[in-house]
Amino acid sequence: MRLIFAVAGRRVRRALLCVCLALFAIAPAWAASPVRAPWWNDLPPMQATQVHGQTIRYYDMGHGPTLVLLHGLGSSAGFDWGTVIPELAKHYRVLAPDQLGFGQSDKPLINYGPATWVDMLGGFLKDRGVTRFDLAGESLGGWIAGLYTARAADLGYPLPQRLVLVDAGGHPSMKPVAGAPASASVLPVLSIASVREGLSKYVFHDPALVTPAVAEQAFALRLSEGSQYTQDSFRRNLAGSDAVFLDQATLAGLKLPVLVVWGEQDRLVSPAHGADFTAWIPGARRVLIPDAGHAPAVEQPQVFLQAVLPFLQQP
């Protein structure tokens, strides 16, 4: 749930700095929810498998049709989806991996980019024997889900039956701007204070929810995950290829039901990007979640489920 979106001129530097302040701290909010930190500890132990020689840890819960959940930049499956996995698992077999470079999965020192995670998702599905599934991704996970769906047929990977994009990244406005100073995208030093500032200013709809205890718990989680190299590598490689962005030409080729879900008060990734995705994807529908910031699945889990479950269960 962590991304870097830019606009033109000085707004580019401000947007990059704001997002970078949140990258280490990105965590969904939980307004109007009975869930409190650490909700990411309320799930059963993760399982582990080998994908292209790398250990990928993942949740495998429930029975029924398969639903794959992808988390965002600098986050983990439990952190992004922990509030809704138990309910989703009443209806689906939920597979929620920690993507390569994040969470409890391996973190090789490679050049990371969207294509990396597309291939890792294809390998994970093959390893788990998944051929029919629905796919949902949040922030960077939404970017990967959209790009995977656009490329799956050409790469020989199974296509999802339905796609859910939640406050997704990958909008063309994210493309790096030539000449922007490198200092604009430098991550802040990880500390409890920087975590609290990132969450309060750029992630949560209600900054009062970021109590000292929440900031301290999120700080400890960031320390244990150790994904700074992955995030730095991802940012450095954004200029490598325009083909990885979810532009109109890419999304116009999607031929499956798509639901675009966005926190109405998202200050990190503009709801306008969701409006563009909806317009560019044939037949896509959009749902705005009120009183929610960048991660409505945690900030407003019941409203999120009321929007997503009927879509997934449609014939």
C-alpha atoms as a PDB file:
ATOM      1  CA  MET A   1       0.000   0.000   0.000  1.00  0.00           C
ATOM      2  CA  ARG A   2       2.839   2.346  -0.723  1.00  0.00           C
ATOM      3  CA  LEU A   3       3.475   4.234  -3.926  1.00  0.00           C
ATOM      4  CA  ILE A   4       5.011   7.314  -5.493  1.00  0.00           C
ATOM      5  CA  PHE A   5       2.774   9.464  -7.655  1.00  0.00           C
ATOM      6  CA  ALA A   6       3.888  12.642  -9.337  1.00  0.00           C
ATOM      7  CA  VAL A   7       2.486  15.593 -11.192  1.00  0.00           C
ATOM      8  CA  ALA A   8       4.305  18.408 -12.960  1.00  0.00           C
ATOM      9  CA  GLY A   9       6.900  20.905 -11.790  1.00  0.00           C
ATOM     10  CA  ARG A  10       7.228  21.626  -8.087  1.00  0.00           C
ATOM     11  CA  ARG A  11       4.152  19.501  -7.391  1.00  0.00           C
ATOM     12  CA  VAL A  12       6.260  16.501  -8.434  1.00  0.00           C
ATOM     13  CA  ARG A  13       8.766  17.091  -5.664  1.00  0.00           C
ATOM     14  CA  ARG A  14       6.065  17.688  -3.060  1.00  0.00           C
ATOM     15  CA  ALA A  15       4.129  14.577  -4.081  1.00  0.00           C
ATOM     16  CA  LEU A  16       7.208  12.380  -4.078  1.00  0.00           C
ATOM     17  CA  LEU A  17       8.313  13.658  -0.689  1.00  0.00           C
ATOM     18  CA  CYS A  18       4.891  13.135   0.842  1.00  0.00           C
ATOM     19  CA  VAL A  19       4.682   9.584  -0.445  1.00  0.00           C
ATOM     20  CA  CYS A  20       8.212   8.758   0.621  1.00  0.00           C
ATOM     21  CA  LEU A  21       7.443   9.919   4.141  1.00  0.00           C
ATOM     22  CA  ALA A  22       4.731   7.289   4.201  1.00  0.00           C
ATOM     23  CA  LEU A  23       6.528   4.411   2.500  1.00  0.00           C
ATOM     24  CA  PHE A  24       7.953   2.877   5.664  1.00  0.00           C
ATOM     25  CA  ALA A  25       4.827   3.620   7.575  1.00  0.00           C
ATOM     26  CA  ILE A  26       2.173   2.613   5.088  1.00  0.00           C
ATOM     27  CA  ALA A  27      -0.491   0.822   7.009  1.00  0.00           C
ATOM     28  CA  PRO A  28      -4.226   0.819   6.459  1.00  0.00           C
ATOM     29  CA  ALA A  29      -6.374   2.846   8.790  1.00  0.00           C
ATOM     30  CA  TRP A  30      -9.084   1.368  10.980  1.00  0.00           C
ATOM     31  CA  ALA A  31     -11.655   4.095  11.623  1.00  0.00           C
ATOM     32  CA  ALA A  32     -15.085   2.840  12.633  1.00  0.00           C
ATOM     33  CA  SER A  33     -13.707  -0.671  12.969  1.00  0.00           C
ATOM     34  CA  PRO A  34     -13.514  -2.806  16.111  1.00  0.00           C
ATOM     35  CA  VAL A  35     -10.102  -3.949  14.925  1.00  0.00           C
ATOM     36  CA  ARG A  36      -7.124  -2.405  16.646  1.00  0.00           C
ATOM     37  CA  ALA A  37      -3.404  -2.851  16.185  1.00  0.00           C
ATOM     38  CA  PRO A  38      -1.862  -5.335  15.968  1.00  0.00           C
ATOM     39  CA  TRP A  39      -4.603  -6.831  13.745  1.00  0.00           C
ATOM     40  CA  TRP A  40      -1.870  -8.400  11.635  1.00  0.00           C
ATOM     41  CA  ASN A  41      -1.181 -10.855  14.466  1.00  0.00           C
ATOM     42  CA  ASP A  42      -4.726 -12.250  14.523  1.00  0.00           C
ATOM     43  CA  LEU A  43      -4.180 -14.670  11.640  1.00  0.00           C
ATOM     44  CA  PRO A  44      -2.930 -18.275  11.756  1.00  0.00           C
ATOM     45  CA  PRO A  45       0.731 -19.053  10.989  1.00  0.00           C
ATOM     46  CA  MET A  46       1.836 -18.540   7.408  1.00  0.00           C
ATOM     47  CA  GLN A  47       2.788 -21.409   5.148  1.00  0.00           C
ATOM     48  CA  ALA A  48       5.888 -21.451   2.948  1.00  0.00           C
ATOM     49  CA  THR A  49       6.726 -22.619  -0.557  1.00  0.00           C
ATOM     50  CA  GLN A  50       9.497 -22.213  -3.128  1.00  0.00           C
ATOM     51  CA  VAL A  51       8.846 -20.023  -6.186  1.00  0.00           C
ATOM     52  CA  HIS A  52      11.717 -19.740  -8.645  1.00  0.00           C
ATOM     53  CA  GLY A  53      14.054 -20.792  -5.855  1.00  0.00           C
ATOM     54  CA  GLN A  54      12.814 -18.156  -3.400  1.00  0.00           C
ATOM     55  CA  THR A  55      10.878 -18.793  -0.201  1.00  0.00           C
ATOM     56  CA  ILE A  56       7.438 -17.196  -0.365  1.00  0.00           C
ATOM     57  CA  ARG A  57       5.331 -17.175   2.780  1.00  0.00           C
ATOM     58  CA  TYR A  58       1.589 -16.957   2.438  1.00  0.00           C
ATOM     59  CA  TYR A  59      -1.769 -17.398   4.127  1.00  0.00           C
ATOM     60  CA  ASP A  60      -3.991 -20.210   2.885  1.00  0.00           C
ATOM     61  CA  MET A  61      -7.380 -19.983   4.596  1.00  0.00           C
ATOM     62  CA  GLY A  62     -10.910 -21.127   3.862  1.00  0.00           C
ATOM     63  CA  HIS A  63     -12.529 -23.321   1.228  1.00  0.00           C
ATOM     64  CA  GLY A  64     -14.297 -22.735  -2.058  1.00  0.00           C
ATOM     65  CA  PRO A  65     -13.303 -20.714  -5.128  1.00  0.00           C
ATOM     66  CA  THR A  66      -9.797 -19.279  -4.922  1.00  0.00           C
ATOM     67  CA  LEU A  67      -9.278 -15.598  -4.168  1.00  0.00           C
ATOM     68  CA  VAL A  68      -5.714 -14.221  -4.364  1.00  0.00           C
ATOM     69  CA  LEU A  69      -4.874 -11.037  -2.436  1.00  0.00           C
ATOM     70  CA  LEU A  70      -1.816  -8.882  -3.185  1.00  0.00           C
ATOM     71  CA  HIS A  71      -0.491  -6.353  -0.670  1.00  0.00           C
ATOM     72  CA  GLY A  72       1.199  -3.027  -1.304  1.00  0.00           C
ATOM     73  CA  LEU A  73       4.696  -1.561  -1.292  1.00  0.00           C
ATOM     74  CA  GLY A  74       6.625  -2.021   1.936  1.00  0.00           C
ATOM     75  CA  SER A  75       3.770  -3.961   3.510  1.00  0.00           C
ATOM     76  CA  SER A  76       2.680  -7.565   3.994  1.00  0.00           C
ATOM     77  CA  ALA A  77      -0.369  -9.757   3.476  1.00  0.00           C
ATOM     78  CA  GLY A  78      -1.387  -9.664   7.116  1.00  0.00           C
ATOM     79  CA  PHE A  79      -0.943  -5.928   7.461  1.00  0.00           C
ATOM     80  CA  ASP A  80      -2.971  -4.994   4.373  1.00  0.00           C
ATOM     81  CA  TRP A  81      -5.610  -7.715   4.454  1.00  0.00           C
ATOM     82  CA  GLY A  82      -5.696  -9.002   8.035  1.00  0.00           C
ATOM     83  CA  THR A  83      -9.005  -7.340   8.883  1.00  0.00           C
ATOM     84  CA  VAL A  84     -10.927  -8.925   5.990  1.00  0.00           C
ATOM     85  CA  ILE A  85      -9.238 -12.295   5.405  1.00  0.00           C
ATOM     86  CA  PRO A  86     -11.275 -14.099   8.120  1.00  0.00           C
ATOM     87  CA  GLU A  87     -14.584 -13.011   6.581  1.00  0.00           C
ATOM     88  CA  LEU A  88     -13.438 -13.652   3.021  1.00  0.00           C
ATOM     89  CA  ALA A  89     -12.304 -17.126   4.069  1.00  0.00           C
ATOM     90  CA  LYS A  90     -15.913 -17.990   4.930  1.00  0.00           C
ATOM     91  CA  HIS A  91     -16.664 -17.843   1.212  1.00  0.00           C
ATOM     92  CA  TYR A  92     -13.333 -18.501  -0.541  1.00  0.00           C
ATOM     93  CA  ARG A  93     -10.037 -20.231  -0.346  1.00  0.00           C
ATOM     94  CA  VAL A  94      -7.952 -17.138   0.301  1.00  0.00           C
ATOM     95  CA  LEU A  95      -4.320 -17.150  -0.815  1.00  0.00           C
ATOM     96  CA  ALA A  96      -2.466 -14.063   0.402  1.00  0.00           C
ATOM     97  CA  PRO A  97       1.302 -14.115  -0.131  1.00  0.00           C
ATOM     98  CA  ASP A  98       3.956 -11.806   1.211  1.00  0.00           C
ATOM     99  CA  GLN A  99       5.354 -10.708  -2.128  1.00  0.00           C
ATOM    100  CA  LEU A 100       9.045 -11.184  -2.880  1.00  0.00           C
ATOM    101  CA  GLY A 101      11.100  -8.567  -1.034  1.00  0.00           C
ATOM    102  CA  PHE A 102       8.461  -7.902   1.612  1.00  0.00           C
ATOM    103  CA  GLY A 103       7.062  -9.292   4.833  1.00  0.00           C
ATOM    104  CA  GLN A 104       8.363 -12.729   5.755  1.00  0.00           C
ATOM    105  CA  SER A 105       9.255 -13.765   2.199  1.00  0.00           C
ATOM    106  CA  ASP A 106      12.808 -13.824   0.843  1.00  0.00           C
ATOM    107  CA  LYS A 107      14.419 -10.506  -0.047  1.00  0.00           C
ATOM    108  CA  PRO A 108      17.119 -11.100  -2.687  1.00  0.00           C
ATOM    109  CA  LEU A 109      19.280  -8.113  -3.610  1.00  0.00           C
ATOM    110  CA  ILE A 110      17.951  -7.672  -7.146  1.00  0.00           C
ATOM    111  CA  ASN A 111      16.556  -4.865  -9.266  1.00  0.00           C
ATOM    112  CA  TYR A 112      12.866  -4.881  -8.363  1.00  0.00           C
ATOM    113  CA  GLY A 113      10.096  -3.689 -10.648  1.00  0.00           C
ATOM    114  CA  PRO A 114       6.466  -4.485 -11.481  1.00  0.00           C
ATOM    115  CA  ALA A 115       7.536  -7.199 -13.949  1.00  0.00           C
ATOM    116  CA  THR A 116       9.376  -8.971 -11.099  1.00  0.00           C
ATOM    117  CA  TRP A 117       6.188  -9.402  -9.098  1.00  0.00           C
ATOM    118  CA  VAL A 118       4.117 -10.349 -12.164  1.00  0.00           C
ATOM    119  CA  ASP A 119       6.420 -13.306 -12.811  1.00  0.00           C
ATOM    120  CA  MET A 120       6.520 -14.237  -9.125  1.00  0.00           C
ATOM    121  CA  LEU A 121       2.713 -14.259  -9.031  1.00  0.00           C
ATOM    122  CA  GLY A 122       2.605 -16.501 -12.097  1.00  0.00           C
ATOM    123  CA  GLY A 123       5.093 -18.859 -10.456  1.00  0.00           C
ATOM    124  CA  PHE A 124       3.199 -18.850  -7.168  1.00  0.00           C
ATOM    125  CA  LEU A 125      -0.073 -19.780  -8.873  1.00  0.00           C
ATOM    126  CA  LYS A 126       1.631 -22.594 -10.772  1.00  0.00           C
ATOM    127  CA  ASP A 127       3.267 -23.873  -7.590  1.00  0.00           C
ATOM    128  CA  ARG A 128      -0.100 -23.893  -5.782  1.00  0.00           C
ATOM    129  CA  GLY A 129      -1.884 -25.528  -8.725  1.00  0.00           C
ATOM    130  CA  VAL A 130      -4.242 -22.564  -9.194  1.00  0.00           C
ATOM    131  CA  THR A 131      -5.864 -22.213 -12.605  1.00  0.00           C
ATOM    132  CA  ARG A 132      -9.225 -20.587 -11.734  1.00  0.00           C
ATOM    133  CA  PHE A 133      -9.216 -17.647  -9.349  1.00  0.00           C
ATOM    134  CA  ASP A 134     -10.271 -14.094  -8.620  1.00  0.00           C
ATOM    135  CA  LEU A 135      -7.576 -11.491  -8.007  1.00  0.00           C
ATOM    136  CA  ALA A 136      -7.525  -8.409  -5.768  1.00  0.00           C
ATOM    137  CA  GLY A 137      -4.651  -6.019  -5.153  1.00  0.00           C
ATOM    138  CA  GLU A 138      -4.180  -2.937  -3.009  1.00  0.00           C
ATOM    139  CA  SER A 139      -1.889  -0.007  -3.947  1.00  0.00           C
ATOM    140  CA  LEU A 140       1.256  -1.596  -5.455  1.00  0.00           C
ATOM    141  CA  GLY A 141      -0.652  -4.883  -5.249  1.00  0.00           C
ATOM    142  CA  GLY A 142      -3.354  -3.353  -7.435  1.00  0.00           C
ATOM    143  CA  TRP A 143      -0.730  -2.257  -9.930  1.00  0.00           C
ATOM    144  CA  ILE A 144       0.685  -5.781 -10.046  1.00  0.00           C
ATOM    145  CA  ALA A 145      -2.793  -7.310 -10.314  1.00  0.00           C
ATOM    146  CA  GLY A 146      -3.683  -5.069 -13.253  1.00  0.00           C
ATOM    147  CA  LEU A 147      -0.383  -5.623 -15.044  1.00  0.00           C
ATOM    148  CA  TYR A 148      -0.528  -9.378 -14.433  1.00  0.00           C
ATOM    149  CA  THR A 149      -4.028  -9.540 -15.903  1.00  0.00           C
ATOM    150  CA  ALA A 150      -2.967  -7.563 -18.979  1.00  0.00           C
ATOM    151  CA  ARG A 151       0.083  -9.771 -19.605  1.00  0.00           C
ATOM    152  CA  ALA A 152      -1.055 -13.202 -18.402  1.00  0.00           C
ATOM    153  CA  ALA A 153      -2.187 -14.584 -21.749  1.00  0.00           C
ATOM    154  CA  ASP A 154       1.070 -13.660 -23.504  1.00  0.00           C
ATOM    155  CA  LEU A 155       3.144 -15.067 -20.637  1.00  0.00           C
ATOM    156  CA  GLY A 156       1.209 -18.333 -20.402  1.00  0.00           C
ATOM    157  CA  TYR A 157      -0.147 -17.594 -16.921  1.00  0.00           C
ATOM    158  CA  PRO A 158      -3.734 -18.313 -15.850  1.00  0.00           C
ATOM    159  CA  LEU A 159      -6.150 -15.420 -16.205  1.00  0.00           C
ATOM    160  CA  PRO A 160      -8.267 -14.313 -13.260  1.00  0.00           C
ATOM    161  CA  GLN A 161     -12.021 -14.487 -13.617  1.00  0.00           C
ATOM    162  CA  ARG A 162     -12.594 -11.190 -11.786  1.00  0.00           C
ATOM    163  CA  LEU A 163     -10.300  -8.347 -10.804  1.00  0.00           C
ATOM    164  CA  VAL A 164     -10.516  -5.906  -7.890  1.00  0.00           C
ATOM    165  CA  LEU A 165      -8.248  -2.841  -7.894  1.00  0.00           C
ATOM    166  CA  VAL A 166      -8.058  -1.140  -4.490  1.00  0.00           C
ATOM    167  CA  ASP A 167      -6.439   2.341  -4.395  1.00  0.00           C
ATOM    168  CA  ALA A 168      -4.164   0.936  -7.064  1.00  0.00           C
ATOM    169  CA  GLY A 169      -0.872   2.317  -8.276  1.00  0.00           C
ATOM    170  CA  GLY A 170       0.481   2.302 -11.801  1.00  0.00           C
ATOM    171  CA  HIS A 171      -1.296   5.364 -13.196  1.00  0.00           C
ATOM    172  CA  PRO A 172       0.744   6.994 -16.008  1.00  0.00           C
ATOM    173  CA  SER A 173       1.160  10.135 -13.876  1.00  0.00           C
ATOM    174  CA  MET A 174       3.491   8.069 -11.711  1.00  0.00           C
ATOM    175  CA  LYS A 175       6.122   8.026 -14.431  1.00  0.00           C
ATOM    176  CA  PRO A 176       9.289   9.759 -13.205  1.00  0.00           C
ATOM    177  CA  VAL A 177       9.739  13.302 -14.449  1.00  0.00           C
ATOM    178  CA  ALA A 178      13.019  14.003 -16.195  1.00  0.00           C
ATOM    179  CA  GLY A 179      15.216  16.382 -14.234  1.00  0.00           C
ATOM    180  CA  ALA A 180      13.457  15.951 -10.892  1.00  0.00           C
ATOM    181  CA  PRO A 181      16.088  16.160  -8.128  1.00  0.00           C
ATOM    182  CA  ALA A 182      17.016  12.848  -6.505  1.00  0.00           C
ATOM    183  CA  SER A 183      16.631  14.378  -3.057  1.00  0.00           C
ATOM    184  CA  ALA A 184      12.886  14.660  -3.655  1.00  0.00           C
ATOM    185  CA  SER A 185      12.449  10.903  -3.355  1.00  0.00           C
ATOM    186  CA  VAL A 186      14.804  10.132  -0.476  1.00  0.00           C
ATOM    187  CA  LEU A 187      13.107   8.086   2.213  1.00  0.00           C
ATOM    188  CA  PRO A 188      13.151   9.471   5.742  1.00  0.00           C
ATOM    189  CA  VAL A 189      15.154   7.709   8.410  1.00  0.00           C
ATOM    190  CA  LEU A 190      12.981   5.007   9.946  1.00  0.00           C
ATOM    191  CA  SER A 191      11.910   5.987  13.441  1.00  0.00           C
ATOM    192  CA  ILE A 192       8.782   5.975  15.555  1.00  0.00           C
ATOM    193  CA  ALA A 193       8.379   9.684  14.818  1.00  0.00           C
ATOM    194  CA  SER A 194       8.650   9.234  11.039  1.00  0.00           C
ATOM    195  CA  VAL A 195       6.206   6.334  11.145  1.00  0.00           C
ATOM    196  CA  ARG A 196       3.696   8.388  13.084  1.00  0.00           C
ATOM    197  CA  GLU A 197       4.103  11.389  10.781  1.00  0.00           C
ATOM    198  CA  GLY A 198       3.715   9.287   7.653  1.00  0.00           C
ATOM    199  CA  LEU A 199       0.581   7.583   8.902  1.00  0.00           C
ATOM    200  CA  SER A 200      -1.009  10.749  10.287  1.00  0.00           C
ATOM    201  CA  LYS A 201      -0.414  13.038   7.319  1.00  0.00           C
ATOM    202  CA  TYR A 202      -0.570  10.793   4.301  1.00  0.00           C
ATOM    203  CA  VAL A 203      -2.256   7.475   5.027  1.00  0.00           C
ATOM    204  CA  PHE A 204      -5.062   7.643   7.560  1.00  0.00           C
ATOM    205  CA  HIS A 205      -8.244   9.578   7.051  1.00  0.00           C
ATOM    206  CA  ASP A 206      -8.370  10.329  10.769  1.00  0.00           C
ATOM    207  CA  PRO A 207      -4.888  11.269  12.053  1.00  0.00           C
ATOM    208  CA  ALA A 208      -6.093  11.015  15.656  1.00  0.00           C
ATOM    209  CA  LEU A 209      -6.142   7.245  15.213  1.00  0.00           C
ATOM    210  CA  VAL A 210      -2.355   7.180  15.094  1.00  0.00           C
ATOM    211  CA  THR A 211      -1.743   6.779  18.798  1.00  0.00           C
ATOM    212  CA  PRO A 212       1.776   6.418  20.221  1.00  0.00           C
ATOM    213  CA  ALA A 213       1.104   2.692  20.721  1.00  0.00           C
ATOM    214  CA  VAL A 214       0.058   2.236  17.097  1.00  0.00           C
ATOM    215  CA  ALA A 215       3.132   4.093  15.815  1.00  0.00           C
ATOM    216  CA  GLU A 216       5.414   2.011  18.041  1.00  0.00           C
ATOM    217  CA  GLN A 217       3.857  -1.276  16.895  1.00  0.00           C
ATOM    218  CA  ALA A 218       4.087  -0.253  13.229  1.00  0.00           C
ATOM    219  CA  PHE A 219       7.714   0.789  13.762  1.00  0.00           C
ATOM    220  CA  ALA A 220       8.555  -2.614  15.254  1.00  0.00           C
ATOM    221  CA  LEU A 221       6.889  -4.341  12.319  1.00  0.00           C
ATOM    222  CA  ARG A 222       8.879  -2.283   9.790  1.00  0.00           C
ATOM    223  CA  LEU A 223      12.088  -3.198  11.617  1.00  0.00           C
ATOM    224  CA  SER A 224      11.296  -6.903  11.540  1.00  0.00           C
ATOM    225  CA  GLU A 225      10.318  -6.888   7.859  1.00  0.00           C
ATOM    226  CA  GLY A 226      13.404  -5.053   6.638  1.00  0.00           C
ATOM    227  CA  SER A 227      12.139  -4.154   3.171  1.00  0.00           C
ATOM    228  CA  GLN A 228      13.909  -0.820   2.656  1.00  0.00           C
ATOM    229  CA  TYR A 229      16.211  -2.179  -0.066  1.00  0.00           C
ATOM    230  CA  THR A 230      13.205  -3.477  -2.006  1.00  0.00           C
ATOM    231  CA  GLN A 231      11.511  -0.097  -1.848  1.00  0.00           C
ATOM    232  CA  ASP A 232      14.645   1.798  -2.837  1.00  0.00           C
ATOM    233  CA  SER A 233      15.241  -0.558  -5.768  1.00  0.00           C
ATOM    234  CA  PHE A 234      11.637  -0.223  -6.921  1.00  0.00           C
ATOM    235  CA  ARG A 235      11.832   3.578  -6.928  1.00  0.00           C
ATOM    236  CA  ARG A 236      15.146   3.606  -8.787  1.00  0.00           C
ATOM    237  CA  ASN A 237      13.812   1.322 -11.512  1.00  0.00           C
ATOM    238  CA  LEU A 238      10.573   3.168 -12.258  1.00  0.00           C
ATOM    239  CA  ALA A 239      12.172   4.938 -15.195  1.00  0.00           C
ATOM    240  CA  GLY A 240      13.162   1.642 -16.805  1.00  0.00           C
ATOM    241  CA  SER A 241      10.090   1.042 -18.965  1.00  0.00           C
ATOM    242  CA  ASP A 242       6.870   2.901 -19.672  1.00  0.00           C
ATOM    243  CA  ALA A 243       5.281  -0.441 -20.588  1.00  0.00           C
ATOM    244  CA  VAL A 244       4.723  -1.384 -16.939  1.00  0.00           C
ATOM    245  CA  PHE A 245       2.293   1.452 -16.248  1.00  0.00           C
ATOM    246  CA  LEU A 246      -1.466   0.970 -16.340  1.00  0.00           C
ATOM    247  CA  ASP A 247      -2.262   3.384 -19.129  1.00  0.00           C
ATOM    248  CA  GLN A 248      -5.394   3.523 -21.246  1.00  0.00           C
ATOM    249  CA  ALA A 249      -3.989   1.320 -23.990  1.00  0.00           C
ATOM    250  CA  THR A 250      -3.049  -1.399 -21.508  1.00  0.00           C
ATOM    251  CA  LEU A 251      -6.292  -1.385 -19.561  1.00  0.00           C
ATOM    252  CA  ALA A 252      -8.552  -1.179 -22.620  1.00  0.00           C
ATOM    253  CA  GLY A 253      -7.569  -4.754 -23.439  1.00  0.00           C
ATOM    254  CA  LEU A 254      -8.932  -6.250 -20.218  1.00  0.00           C
ATOM    255  CA  LYS A 255     -11.854  -8.577 -20.932  1.00  0.00           C
ATOM    256  CA  LEU A 256     -13.164  -9.528 -17.485  1.00  0.00           C
ATOM    257  CA  PRO A 257     -15.350  -7.998 -14.772  1.00  0.00           C
ATOM    258  CA  VAL A 258     -13.391  -5.315 -12.890  1.00  0.00           C
ATOM    259  CA  LEU A 259     -14.283  -3.455  -9.693  1.00  0.00           C
ATOM    260  CA  VAL A 260     -12.306  -0.333  -8.778  1.00  0.00           C
ATOM    261  CA  VAL A 261     -12.473   0.433  -5.048  1.00  0.00           C
ATOM    262  CA  TRP A 262     -11.072   3.632  -3.575  1.00  0.00           C
ATOM    263  CA  GLY A 263     -10.948   5.364  -0.221  1.00  0.00           C
ATOM    264  CA  GLU A 264     -12.802   8.616  -0.770  1.00  0.00           C
ATOM    265  CA  GLN A 265     -10.295  10.555   1.357  1.00  0.00           C
ATOM    266  CA  ASP A 266      -7.139   8.907  -0.013  1.00  0.00           C
ATOM    267  CA  ARG A 267      -4.388  11.522   0.305  1.00  0.00           C
ATOM    268  CA  LEU A 268      -1.659   9.221  -0.978  1.00  0.00           C
ATOM    269  CA  VAL A 269      -3.096   8.063  -4.308  1.00  0.00           C
ATOM    270  CA  SER A 270      -5.720  10.383  -5.740  1.00  0.00           C
ATOM    271  CA  PRO A 271      -9.247   9.021  -6.284  1.00  0.00           C
ATOM    272  CA  ALA A 272      -8.969  10.665  -9.712  1.00  0.00           C
ATOM    273  CA  HIS A 273      -6.654   7.822 -10.695  1.00  0.00           C
ATOM    274  CA  GLY A 274      -9.420   5.372  -9.871  1.00  0.00           C
ATOM    275  CA  ALA A 275     -11.823   7.375 -12.026  1.00  0.00           C
ATOM    276  CA  ASP A 276      -9.376   7.099 -14.927  1.00  0.00           C
ATOM    277  CA  PHE A 277      -8.937   3.354 -14.459  1.00  0.00           C
ATOM    278  CA  THR A 278     -12.700   2.921 -14.427  1.00  0.00           C
ATOM    279  CA  ALA A 279     -13.096   4.916 -17.631  1.00  0.00           C
ATOM    280  CA  TRP A 280     -10.284   3.018 -19.368  1.00  0.00           C
ATOM    281  CA  ILE A 281     -11.427  -0.520 -18.498  1.00  0.00           C
ATOM    282  CA  PRO A 282     -14.447  -1.671 -20.523  1.00  0.00           C
ATOM    283  CA  GLY A 283     -17.426  -2.276 -18.233  1.00  0.00           C
ATOM    284  CA  ALA A 284     -15.547  -1.509 -15.004  1.00  0.00           C
ATOM    285  CA  ARG A 285     -17.458  -0.252 -11.964  1.00  0.00           C
ATOM    286  CA  ARG A 286     -16.143   2.076  -9.247  1.00  0.00           C
ATOM    287  CA  VAL A 287     -17.002   2.239  -5.565  1.00  0.00           C
ATOM    288  CA  LEU A 288     -15.837   5.042  -3.278  1.00  0.00           C
ATOM    289  CA  ILE A 289     -15.555   4.120   0.405  1.00  0.00           C
ATOM    290  CA  PRO A 290     -16.439   7.127   2.604  1.00  0.00           C
ATOM    291  CA  ASP A 291     -14.395   7.985   5.685  1.00  0.00           C
ATOM    292  CA  ALA A 292     -11.461   5.972   4.373  1.00  0.00           C
ATOM    293  CA  GLY A 293      -7.963   6.851   3.258  1.00  0.00           C
ATOM    294  CA  HIS A 294      -5.478   4.812   1.284  1.00  0.00           C
ATOM    295  CA  ALA A 295      -6.507   1.364   2.550  1.00  0.00           C
ATOM    296  CA  PRO A 296     -10.290   1.033   2.925  1.00  0.00           C
ATOM    297  CA  ALA A 297     -10.108  -2.724   3.534  1.00  0.00           C
ATOM    298  CA  VAL A 298      -8.737  -1.978   6.987  1.00  0.00           C
ATOM    299  CA  GLU A 299     -10.132   1.456   7.694  1.00  0.00           C
ATOM    300  CA  GLN A 300     -13.693   0.476   6.774  1.00  0.00           C
ATOM    301  CA  PRO A 301     -13.655  -3.346   6.546  1.00  0.00           C
ATOM    302  CA  GLN A 302     -17.416  -3.887   6.723  1.00  0.00           C
ATOM    303  CA  VAL A 303     -18.182  -1.305   4.031  1.00  0.00           C
ATOM    304  CA  PHE A 304     -15.357  -2.741   1.942  1.00  0.00           C
ATOM    305  CA  LEU A 305     -16.763  -6.259   2.211  1.00  0.00           C
ATOM    306  CA  GLN A 306     -20.268  -5.040   1.367  1.00  0.00           C
ATOM    307  CA  ALA A 307     -18.872  -3.632  -1.873  1.00  0.00           C
ATOM    308  CA  VAL A 308     -16.530  -6.458  -2.829  1.00  0.00           C
ATOM    309  CA  LEU A 309     -18.371  -9.652  -1.873  1.00  0.00           C
ATOM    310  CA  PRO A 310     -21.422  -9.088  -4.149  1.00  0.00           C
ATOM    311  CA  PHE A 311     -19.067  -8.339  -7.029  1.00  0.00           C
ATOM    312  CA  LEU A 312     -17.062 -11.530  -6.453  1.00  0.00           C
ATOM    313  CA  GLN A 313     -20.216 -13.603  -6.067  1.00  0.00           C
ATOM    314  CA  GLN A 314     -21.944 -12.427  -9.232  1.00  0.00           C
ATOM    315  CA  PRO A 315     -22.585 -15.157 -11.840  1.00  0.00           C
END
